[in-house]
Amino acid sequence: MYGQRWKELYKLEVKRRAELEAELRDARARLEADMEIAYEDYKTQLMREDLQRRQKELERLEDQRRERLSRAMGGGIIGNPMMQQSGGGGGGGQPFGTYGAPPMHGGHMGLEPSIVDGPLGRGAPPTFGSGGGE
């Protein structure tokens, strides 16, 4: 009689230990998965912060470049009548656009001026004689 009860109690203990061990293994696996997800989230956040920092730096550099271009174009071109556009703003076949600035073509979102030969370009100044313009 007591031998049977001991046997049943032993089987119950073995069964519960196995269940508990399986439950603990599952809990460990879930915790490791959660830790891996948290680490990936952390790395993602670091990458986002780095990207934001780089974007701000790029914007700052672009603003500086635009400021330099603005100063370079505004300083020497406006006072030079040879470089100013004649007429109201249609272009008239001239290689320069509004306010005597080179036309904006291509480049990064229209921010890069096209390379134009002349005092601010890389070669000889353009000739304005033989056109059927204004």
Foldseek 3Di string as FASTA:
>chain_A
DVVVVVVVVVVVVVVVVVVVVVVVVVVVVVVVVVVVVVVVVVVVVVVVVVVVVVVVVVVVVVVVVLVVVCCVCVPPFQVDPVQADPDDFPCQVPQAGHSSHGAFDDDDVSSDGDAADDPPHDHHHDDDPPDPGD
